[in-house]
PDB file of N, CA and C in Angstrom:
ATOM      1  N   UNK A   1    -135.806 134.187 -32.519  1.00  0.00           N
ATOM      2  CA  UNK A   1    -134.783 133.364 -31.852  1.00  0.00           C
ATOM      3  C   UNK A   1    -133.804 134.264 -31.095  1.00  0.00           C
ATOM      4  N   UNK A   2    -133.291 135.277 -31.795  1.00  0.00           N
ATOM      5  CA  UNK A   2    -132.326 136.179 -31.165  1.00  0.00           C
ATOM      6  C   UNK A   2    -132.969 136.919 -30.004  1.00  0.00           C
ATOM      7  N   UNK A   3    -134.231 137.307 -30.185  1.00  0.00           N
ATOM      8  CA  UNK A   3    -134.939 138.030 -29.126  1.00  0.00           C
ATOM      9  C   UNK A   3    -135.067 137.154 -27.887  1.00  0.00           C
ATOM     10  N   UNK A   4    -135.380 135.889 -28.082  1.00  0.00           N
ATOM     11  CA  UNK A   4    -135.517 134.964 -26.950  1.00  0.00           C
ATOM     12  C   UNK A   4    -134.203 134.814 -26.195  1.00  0.00           C
ATOM     13  N   UNK A   5    -133.103 134.702 -26.940  1.00  0.00           N
ATOM     14  CA  UNK A   5    -131.783 134.572 -26.307  1.00  0.00           C
ATOM     15  C   UNK A   5    -131.462 135.831 -25.520  1.00  0.00           C
ATOM     16  N   UNK A   6    -131.797 136.991 -26.086  1.00  0.00           N
ATOM     17  CA  UNK A   6    -131.539 138.271 -25.416  1.00  0.00           C
ATOM     18  C   UNK A   6    -132.322 138.362 -24.119  1.00  0.00           C
ATOM     19  N   UNK A   7    -133.587 137.929 -24.150  1.00  0.00           N
ATOM     20  CA  UNK A   7    -134.436 137.965 -22.946  1.00  0.00           C
ATOM     21  C   UNK A   7    -133.851 137.048 -21.875  1.00  0.00           C
ATOM     22  N   UNK A   8    -133.462 135.839 -22.265  1.00  0.00           N
ATOM     23  CA  UNK A   8    -132.886 134.885 -21.309  1.00  0.00           C
ATOM     24  C   UNK A   8    -131.605 135.453 -20.709  1.00  0.00           C
ATOM     25  N   UNK A   9    -130.755 136.037 -21.547  1.00  0.00           N
ATOM     26  CA  UNK A   9    -129.500 136.622 -21.070  1.00  0.00           C
ATOM     27  C   UNK A   9    -129.792 137.757 -20.098  1.00  0.00           C
ATOM     28  N   UNK A  10    -130.787 138.583 -20.408  1.00  0.00           N
ATOM     29  CA  UNK A  10    -131.153 139.703 -19.536  1.00  0.00           C
ATOM     30  C   UNK A  10    -131.637 139.192 -18.183  1.00  0.00           C
ATOM     31  N   UNK A  11    -132.427 138.123 -18.194  1.00  0.00           N
ATOM     32  CA  UNK A  11    -132.944 137.545 -16.941  1.00  0.00           C
ATOM     33  C   UNK A  11    -131.785 137.001 -16.097  1.00  0.00           C
ATOM     34  N   UNK A  12    -130.862 136.288 -16.740  1.00  0.00           N
ATOM     35  CA  UNK A  12    -129.720 135.715 -16.018  1.00  0.00           C
ATOM     36  C   UNK A  12    -128.879 136.823 -15.393  1.00  0.00           C
ATOM     37  N   UNK A  13    -128.594 137.876 -16.178  1.00  0.00           N
ATOM     38  CA  UNK A  13    -127.801 139.002 -15.669  1.00  0.00           C
ATOM     39  C   UNK A  13    -128.529 139.669 -14.512  1.00  0.00           C
ATOM     40  N   UNK A  14    -129.837 139.871 -14.670  1.00  0.00           N
ATOM     41  CA  UNK A  14    -130.628 140.510 -13.613  1.00  0.00           C
ATOM     42  C   UNK A  14    -130.574 139.686 -12.332  1.00  0.00           C
ATOM     43  N   UNK A  15    -130.693 138.364 -12.458  1.00  0.00           N
ATOM     44  CA  UNK A  15    -130.652 137.484 -11.281  1.00  0.00           C
ATOM     45  C   UNK A  15    -129.282 137.554 -10.614  1.00  0.00           C
ATOM     46  N   UNK A  16    -128.220 137.516 -11.424  1.00  0.00           N
ATOM     47  CA  UNK A  16    -126.859 137.563 -10.876  1.00  0.00           C
ATOM     48  C   UNK A  16    -126.615 138.871 -10.136  1.00  0.00           C
ATOM     49  N   UNK A  17    -127.264 139.958 -10.582  1.00  0.00           N
ATOM     50  CA  UNK A  17    -127.099 141.264  -9.926  1.00  0.00           C
ATOM     51  C   UNK A  17    -128.004 141.374  -8.705  1.00  0.00           C
ATOM     52  N   UNK A  18    -129.261 140.971  -8.853  1.00  0.00           N
ATOM     53  CA  UNK A  18    -130.258 141.164  -7.789  1.00  0.00           C
ATOM     54  C   UNK A  18    -130.006 140.252  -6.588  1.00  0.00           C
ATOM     55  N   UNK A  19    -129.668 138.982  -6.835  1.00  0.00           N
ATOM     56  CA  UNK A  19    -129.502 138.025  -5.725  1.00  0.00           C
ATOM     57  C   UNK A  19    -128.439 138.476  -4.721  1.00  0.00           C
ATOM     58  N   UNK A  20    -127.204 138.806  -5.151  1.00  0.00           N
ATOM     59  CA  UNK A  20    -126.196 139.268  -4.177  1.00  0.00           C
ATOM     60  C   UNK A  20    -126.634 140.548  -3.474  1.00  0.00           C
ATOM     61  N   UNK A  21    -127.264 141.462  -4.207  1.00  0.00           N
ATOM     62  CA  UNK A  21    -127.740 142.718  -3.613  1.00  0.00           C
ATOM     63  C   UNK A  21    -128.809 142.417  -2.570  1.00  0.00           C
ATOM     64  N   UNK A  22    -129.723 141.499  -2.894  1.00  0.00           N
ATOM     65  CA  UNK A  22    -130.791 141.120  -1.960  1.00  0.00           C
ATOM     66  C   UNK A  22    -130.200 140.575  -0.664  1.00  0.00           C
ATOM     67  N   UNK A  23    -129.214 139.661  -0.794  1.00  0.00           N
ATOM     68  CA  UNK A  23    -128.592 139.078   0.403  1.00  0.00           C
ATOM     69  C   UNK A  23    -127.816 140.138   1.175  1.00  0.00           C
ATOM     70  N   UNK A  24    -127.150 141.059   0.466  1.00  0.00           N
ATOM     71  CA  UNK A  24    -126.395 142.131   1.129  1.00  0.00           C
ATOM     72  C   UNK A  24    -127.345 143.014   1.928  1.00  0.00           C
ATOM     73  N   UNK A  25    -128.490 143.369   1.339  1.00  0.00           N
ATOM     74  CA  UNK A  25    -129.485 144.200   2.031  1.00  0.00           C
ATOM     75  C   UNK A  25    -130.041 143.434   3.228  1.00  0.00           C
ATOM     76  N   UNK A  26    -130.339 142.151   3.028  1.00  0.00           N
ATOM     77  CA  UNK A  26    -130.896 141.328   4.105  1.00  0.00           C
ATOM     78  C   UNK A  26    -129.911 141.261   5.274  1.00  0.00           C
ATOM     79  N   UNK A  27    -128.622 141.031   4.973  1.00  0.00           N
ATOM     80  CA  UNK A  27    -127.600 140.989   6.020  1.00  0.00           C
ATOM     81  C   UNK A  27    -127.468 142.361   6.666  1.00  0.00           C
ATOM     82  N   UNK A  28    -127.538 143.412   5.846  1.00  0.00           N
ATOM     83  CA  UNK A  28    -127.418 144.780   6.362  1.00  0.00           C
ATOM     84  C   UNK A  28    -128.516 145.077   7.367  1.00  0.00           C
ATOM     85  N   UNK A  29    -129.759 144.702   7.024  1.00  0.00           N
ATOM     86  CA  UNK A  29    -130.879 144.931   7.944  1.00  0.00           C
ATOM     87  C   UNK A  29    -130.682 144.118   9.221  1.00  0.00           C
ATOM     88  N   UNK A  30    -130.208 142.888   9.079  1.00  0.00           N
ATOM     89  CA  UNK A  30    -129.998 142.022  10.243  1.00  0.00           C
ATOM     90  C   UNK A  30    -128.962 142.648  11.174  1.00  0.00           C
ATOM     91  N   UNK A  31    -127.875 143.168  10.609  1.00  0.00           N
ATOM     92  CA  UNK A  31    -126.830 143.800  11.419  1.00  0.00           C
ATOM     93  C   UNK A  31    -127.390 145.033  12.127  1.00  0.00           C
ATOM     94  N   UNK A  32    -128.165 145.834  11.412  1.00  0.00           N
ATOM     95  CA  UNK A  32    -128.744 147.039  12.009  1.00  0.00           C
ATOM     96  C   UNK A  32    -129.666 146.669  13.162  1.00  0.00           C
ATOM     97  N   UNK A  33    -130.479 145.632  12.972  1.00  0.00           N
ATOM     98  CA  UNK A  33    -131.392 145.199  14.036  1.00  0.00           C
ATOM     99  C   UNK A  33    -130.602 144.690  15.231  1.00  0.00           C
ATOM    100  N   UNK A  34    -129.509 143.941  14.970  1.00  0.00           N
ATOM    101  CA  UNK A  34    -128.687 143.401  16.063  1.00  0.00           C
ATOM    102  C   UNK A  34    -128.033 144.538  16.848  1.00  0.00           C
ATOM    103  N   UNK A  35    -127.578 145.569  16.141  1.00  0.00           N
ATOM    104  CA  UNK A  35    -126.929 146.707  16.801  1.00  0.00           C
ATOM    105  C   UNK A  35    -127.911 147.438  17.702  1.00  0.00           C
ATOM    106  N   UNK A  36    -129.132 147.601  17.232  1.00  0.00           N
ATOM    107  CA  UNK A  36    -130.157 148.291  18.034  1.00  0.00           C
ATOM    108  C   UNK A  36    -130.539 147.410  19.220  1.00  0.00           C
TER     109      UNK A  36
END
């Protein structure tokens, strides 16, 4: 039970970290392409 909760918490934290980073990188690439 505890292991399952830990896995779910890890997934949620990973998503909260990865999603903003993904969008930041995506916007960064878009800006670089626009500048070129």
